[in-house]
Every structure is written in structure tokens, then in C-alpha cells.
Amino acid sequence: MDRRLLDVSYPVVELETAVVRLWRDFTHPGRALLIPLAEVREIHDLEAEDYFLLMAELRRLSRVLARLYQADKMNLACFGNQVPWLHWHVIPRRRDDAQWPLSVWEELPDPSPVDDEVLAEHAERLHWALLDDDGEMS
């Protein structure tokens, strides 16, 4: 897995086709990465079955983050311009966050790093919520 993705994130859980990691900067609490286990550059490089499984995991992560972080909106982004390993940024947004309604790449506020103890608490909560998720919206 690309070192740059690992350096900016904290491990949460390995799912069937991807890993989930929390972003270390808590400007947007709950911001996560979904990184496929298979090294591919583009979404069209995935086999059809792997694509559908990965999209189900992306949907599941988005749903769980929206619930845990009481998001007003979920932002999903997949660029790969700087890190060529396919991955998604899954970002719970709230109307009271520092950049609302701008994208998280505009008018960057000062970073809000948190220590590993805080990350571990959030990661554990997210880990269990993902494993307990039954696919139903609550």
C-alpha cells in the first residue's frame, strides 16, 4: 500500500476488498480513507465483481460515518493525481464545520491533529459500527 496513504491515516479495519483508515487531521472528524487491498490505479482496472463489492463497502462506510458523526452531507472523492493507488476520501460534513459549504480542498483552515489515543477511540468505535452494520438506514 502506498506509504503516503499510511502516513496521513490511522488503521480501523480490513474489510473484504479494502481497508478503512481514519484521517489523522480532525478538521473534519470521521474523515476516512477506503483503500482497496488490490493495487489498481483506476476504477475501470477493477474486475466487475471486485467493483461491486468495493462499492458496497464504500456505501457501508459512508452510511456508518454519516450516522456516527451526524453528518449533514457526505463528501466522497477519488482523485489519485498524487497517490496513484485507487482510494476514496469519505468525509462527513456538517453545516458548522470550518469550510462549509466549500470543498475540503478550498480555503484550508489550520490543521487539527489529534493524538493516537483519540484516533484509537474513534477507530474502535468505527470498527465495531462497520462490523455491526446490517445495511439498514436508521
C-alpha atoms as a PDB file:
ATOM      1  CA  MET A   1       0.000   0.000   0.000  1.00  0.00           C
ATOM      2  CA  ASP A   2       1.302   3.456  -0.815  1.00  0.00           C
ATOM      3  CA  ARG A   3       3.222   4.876   2.153  1.00  0.00           C
ATOM      4  CA  ARG A   4       1.689   8.338   1.666  1.00  0.00           C
ATOM      5  CA  LEU A   5      -1.774   6.944   2.435  1.00  0.00           C
ATOM      6  CA  LEU A   6      -0.499   5.195   5.546  1.00  0.00           C
ATOM      7  CA  ASP A   7       1.353   8.267   6.829  1.00  0.00           C
ATOM      8  CA  VAL A   8      -1.758  10.501   6.894  1.00  0.00           C
ATOM      9  CA  SER A   9      -4.110   7.924   8.378  1.00  0.00           C
ATOM     10  CA  TYR A  10      -4.735   5.556  11.264  1.00  0.00           C
ATOM     11  CA  PRO A  11      -5.878   1.904  10.837  1.00  0.00           C
ATOM     12  CA  VAL A  12      -9.501   0.975  11.545  1.00  0.00           C
ATOM     13  CA  VAL A  13     -10.424  -2.348   9.936  1.00  0.00           C
ATOM     14  CA  GLU A  14      -9.801  -4.591   6.957  1.00  0.00           C
ATOM     15  CA  LEU A  15     -12.984  -5.423   5.076  1.00  0.00           C
ATOM     16  CA  GLU A  16     -13.380  -7.975   2.294  1.00  0.00           C
ATOM     17  CA  THR A  17     -11.866  -5.881  -0.509  1.00  0.00           C
ATOM     18  CA  ALA A  18     -10.462  -2.776   1.205  1.00  0.00           C
ATOM     19  CA  VAL A  19      -9.054  -1.276   4.365  1.00  0.00           C
ATOM     20  CA  VAL A  20     -10.584   1.615   6.263  1.00  0.00           C
ATOM     21  CA  ARG A  21      -8.306   4.207   7.844  1.00  0.00           C
ATOM     22  CA  LEU A  22      -9.097   7.433   9.721  1.00  0.00           C
ATOM     23  CA  TRP A  23      -7.519  10.692   8.577  1.00  0.00           C
ATOM     24  CA  ARG A  24      -5.127  11.992  11.255  1.00  0.00           C
ATOM     25  CA  ASP A  25      -6.235  15.617  10.845  1.00  0.00           C
ATOM     26  CA  PHE A  26      -9.581  16.078  12.614  1.00  0.00           C
ATOM     27  CA  THR A  27     -10.577  19.301  10.850  1.00  0.00           C
ATOM     28  CA  HIS A  28     -13.444  17.059   9.692  1.00  0.00           C
ATOM     29  CA  PRO A  29     -13.859  14.403  12.416  1.00  0.00           C
ATOM     30  CA  GLY A  30     -14.514  10.991  10.955  1.00  0.00           C
ATOM     31  CA  ARG A  31     -12.819  11.678   7.627  1.00  0.00           C
ATOM     32  CA  ALA A  32     -11.728   8.285   6.407  1.00  0.00           C
ATOM     33  CA  LEU A  33      -9.956   6.564   3.564  1.00  0.00           C
ATOM     34  CA  LEU A  34     -11.225   3.433   1.839  1.00  0.00           C
ATOM     35  CA  ILE A  35      -8.241   1.801   0.159  1.00  0.00           C
ATOM     36  CA  PRO A  36      -8.633  -1.349  -1.960  1.00  0.00           C
ATOM     37  CA  LEU A  37      -6.377  -4.219  -0.981  1.00  0.00           C
ATOM     38  CA  ALA A  38      -5.556  -4.806  -4.644  1.00  0.00           C
ATOM     39  CA  GLU A  39      -3.170  -2.262  -6.126  1.00  0.00           C
ATOM     40  CA  VAL A  40      -5.013  -0.668  -9.013  1.00  0.00           C
ATOM     41  CA  ARG A  41      -4.750   2.855 -10.397  1.00  0.00           C
ATOM     42  CA  GLU A  42      -8.209   3.373 -11.846  1.00  0.00           C
ATOM     43  CA  ILE A  43     -11.715   2.197 -11.054  1.00  0.00           C
ATOM     44  CA  HIS A  44     -12.027   0.672 -14.523  1.00  0.00           C
ATOM     45  CA  ASP A  45      -8.996  -1.535 -13.734  1.00  0.00           C
ATOM     46  CA  LEU A  46     -11.094  -3.497 -11.229  1.00  0.00           C
ATOM     47  CA  GLU A  47     -12.797  -6.738 -12.221  1.00  0.00           C
ATOM     48  CA  ALA A  48     -16.587  -6.310 -12.271  1.00  0.00           C
ATOM     49  CA  GLU A  49     -17.163  -8.454  -9.166  1.00  0.00           C
ATOM     50  CA  ASP A  50     -14.469  -6.594  -7.215  1.00  0.00           C
ATOM     51  CA  TYR A  51     -16.008  -3.275  -8.302  1.00  0.00           C
ATOM     52  CA  PHE A  52     -19.447  -4.215  -6.947  1.00  0.00           C
ATOM     53  CA  LEU A  53     -18.007  -5.496  -3.659  1.00  0.00           C
ATOM     54  CA  LEU A  54     -15.895  -2.359  -3.256  1.00  0.00           C
ATOM     55  CA  MET A  55     -18.857  -0.070  -3.984  1.00  0.00           C
ATOM     56  CA  ALA A  56     -20.882  -1.928  -1.351  1.00  0.00           C
ATOM     57  CA  GLU A  57     -18.084  -1.313   1.159  1.00  0.00           C
ATOM     58  CA  LEU A  58     -17.901   2.360   0.172  1.00  0.00           C
ATOM     59  CA  ARG A  59     -21.670   2.674   0.644  1.00  0.00           C
ATOM     60  CA  ARG A  60     -21.445   0.925   4.018  1.00  0.00           C
ATOM     61  CA  LEU A  61     -18.598   3.163   5.225  1.00  0.00           C
ATOM     62  CA  SER A  62     -20.439   6.288   4.091  1.00  0.00           C
ATOM     63  CA  ARG A  63     -23.642   5.204   5.842  1.00  0.00           C
ATOM     64  CA  VAL A  64     -21.871   4.363   9.101  1.00  0.00           C
ATOM     65  CA  LEU A  65     -19.816   7.577   9.145  1.00  0.00           C
ATOM     66  CA  ALA A  66     -22.934   9.652   8.430  1.00  0.00           C
ATOM     67  CA  ARG A  67     -24.631   8.085  11.440  1.00  0.00           C
ATOM     68  CA  LEU A  68     -21.653   8.205  13.832  1.00  0.00           C
ATOM     69  CA  TYR A  69     -20.685  11.785  13.037  1.00  0.00           C
ATOM     70  CA  GLN A  70     -24.213  13.136  12.459  1.00  0.00           C
ATOM     71  CA  ALA A  71     -23.259  14.392   9.006  1.00  0.00           C
ATOM     72  CA  ASP A  72     -25.411  16.863   7.149  1.00  0.00           C
ATOM     73  CA  LYS A  73     -23.703  15.731   3.937  1.00  0.00           C
ATOM     74  CA  MET A  74     -21.207  13.040   2.969  1.00  0.00           C
ATOM     75  CA  ASN A  75     -18.409  14.015   0.588  1.00  0.00           C
ATOM     76  CA  LEU A  76     -16.792  11.257  -1.450  1.00  0.00           C
ATOM     77  CA  ALA A  77     -13.702  11.895  -3.547  1.00  0.00           C
ATOM     78  CA  CYS A  78     -11.449   9.699  -5.640  1.00  0.00           C
ATOM     79  CA  PHE A  79      -8.673  11.524  -7.485  1.00  0.00           C
ATOM     80  CA  GLY A  80      -5.354   9.684  -7.470  1.00  0.00           C
ATOM     81  CA  ASN A  81      -3.392  12.556  -9.006  1.00  0.00           C
ATOM     82  CA  GLN A  82      -0.773  12.497  -6.245  1.00  0.00           C
ATOM     83  CA  VAL A  83      -1.125   8.928  -4.983  1.00  0.00           C
ATOM     84  CA  PRO A  84      -1.777   6.536  -7.876  1.00  0.00           C
ATOM     85  CA  TRP A  85      -3.262   3.739  -5.693  1.00  0.00           C
ATOM     86  CA  LEU A  86      -7.043   3.846  -6.085  1.00  0.00           C
ATOM     87  CA  HIS A  87      -8.654   5.151  -2.891  1.00  0.00           C
ATOM     88  CA  TRP A  88     -11.611   7.194  -1.670  1.00  0.00           C
ATOM     89  CA  HIS A  89     -11.792  10.040   0.793  1.00  0.00           C
ATOM     90  CA  VAL A  90     -15.059   9.651   2.722  1.00  0.00           C
ATOM     91  CA  ILE A  91     -15.749  12.852   4.596  1.00  0.00           C
ATOM     92  CA  PRO A  92     -18.644  13.559   6.969  1.00  0.00           C
ATOM     93  CA  ARG A  93     -19.567  17.218   6.591  1.00  0.00           C
ATOM     94  CA  ARG A  94     -21.551  19.381   8.956  1.00  0.00           C
ATOM     95  CA  ARG A  95     -23.043  22.783   8.313  1.00  0.00           C
ATOM     96  CA  ASP A  96     -20.993  24.116  11.258  1.00  0.00           C
ATOM     97  CA  ASP A  97     -17.619  22.814  10.033  1.00  0.00           C
ATOM     98  CA  ALA A  98     -14.726  25.161   9.248  1.00  0.00           C
ATOM     99  CA  GLN A  99     -15.167  25.030   5.471  1.00  0.00           C
ATOM    100  CA  TRP A 100     -18.905  24.633   4.904  1.00  0.00           C
ATOM    101  CA  PRO A 101     -20.107  24.800   2.129  1.00  0.00           C
ATOM    102  CA  LEU A 102     -16.700  24.738   0.375  1.00  0.00           C
ATOM    103  CA  SER A 103     -14.876  21.544  -0.522  1.00  0.00           C
ATOM    104  CA  VAL A 104     -12.274  20.286   1.937  1.00  0.00           C
ATOM    105  CA  TRP A 105      -9.568  21.352  -0.530  1.00  0.00           C
ATOM    106  CA  GLU A 106     -10.571  25.050  -0.561  1.00  0.00           C
ATOM    107  CA  GLU A 107      -9.539  27.746   1.910  1.00  0.00           C
ATOM    108  CA  LEU A 108      -7.749  25.304   4.152  1.00  0.00           C
ATOM    109  CA  PRO A 109      -8.067  26.009   7.882  1.00  0.00           C
ATOM    110  CA  ASP A 110      -5.220  25.307  10.270  1.00  0.00           C
ATOM    111  CA  PRO A 111      -4.843  21.535  10.768  1.00  0.00           C
ATOM    112  CA  SER A 112      -6.466  19.907  13.795  1.00  0.00           C
ATOM    113  CA  PRO A 113      -4.247  16.901  14.508  1.00  0.00           C
ATOM    114  CA  VAL A 114      -5.200  14.551  17.312  1.00  0.00           C
ATOM    115  CA  ASP A 115      -3.033  12.088  19.197  1.00  0.00           C
ATOM    116  CA  ASP A 116      -3.086   8.331  18.710  1.00  0.00           C
ATOM    117  CA  GLU A 117      -5.185   7.809  21.844  1.00  0.00           C
ATOM    118  CA  VAL A 118      -8.049   9.857  20.380  1.00  0.00           C
ATOM    119  CA  LEU A 119      -7.610   8.186  16.991  1.00  0.00           C
ATOM    120  CA  ALA A 120      -7.707   4.758  18.652  1.00  0.00           C
ATOM    121  CA  GLU A 121     -11.004   5.590  20.377  1.00  0.00           C
ATOM    122  CA  HIS A 122     -12.602   6.781  17.138  1.00  0.00           C
ATOM    123  CA  ALA A 123     -11.138   3.850  15.197  1.00  0.00           C
ATOM    124  CA  GLU A 124     -12.536   1.317  17.651  1.00  0.00           C
ATOM    125  CA  ARG A 125     -15.991   2.885  17.552  1.00  0.00           C
ATOM    126  CA  LEU A 126     -15.932   2.951  13.737  1.00  0.00           C
ATOM    127  CA  HIS A 127     -14.546  -0.595  13.550  1.00  0.00           C
ATOM    128  CA  TRP A 128     -17.416  -2.051  15.576  1.00  0.00           C
ATOM    129  CA  ALA A 129     -20.042   0.087  13.863  1.00  0.00           C
ATOM    130  CA  LEU A 130     -18.881  -1.209  10.473  1.00  0.00           C
ATOM    131  CA  LEU A 131     -18.923  -4.809  11.660  1.00  0.00           C
ATOM    132  CA  ASP A 132     -22.374  -4.377  13.237  1.00  0.00           C
ATOM    133  CA  ASP A 133     -23.887  -2.549  10.259  1.00  0.00           C
ATOM    134  CA  ASP A 134     -26.802  -4.518   8.803  1.00  0.00           C
ATOM    135  CA  GLY A 135     -27.268  -2.366   5.724  1.00  0.00           C
ATOM    136  CA  GLU A 136     -30.375  -0.611   7.005  1.00  0.00           C
ATOM    137  CA  MET A 137     -30.582   3.133   7.472  1.00  0.00           C
ATOM    138  CA  SER A 138     -31.669   4.154  10.947  1.00  0.00           C
END
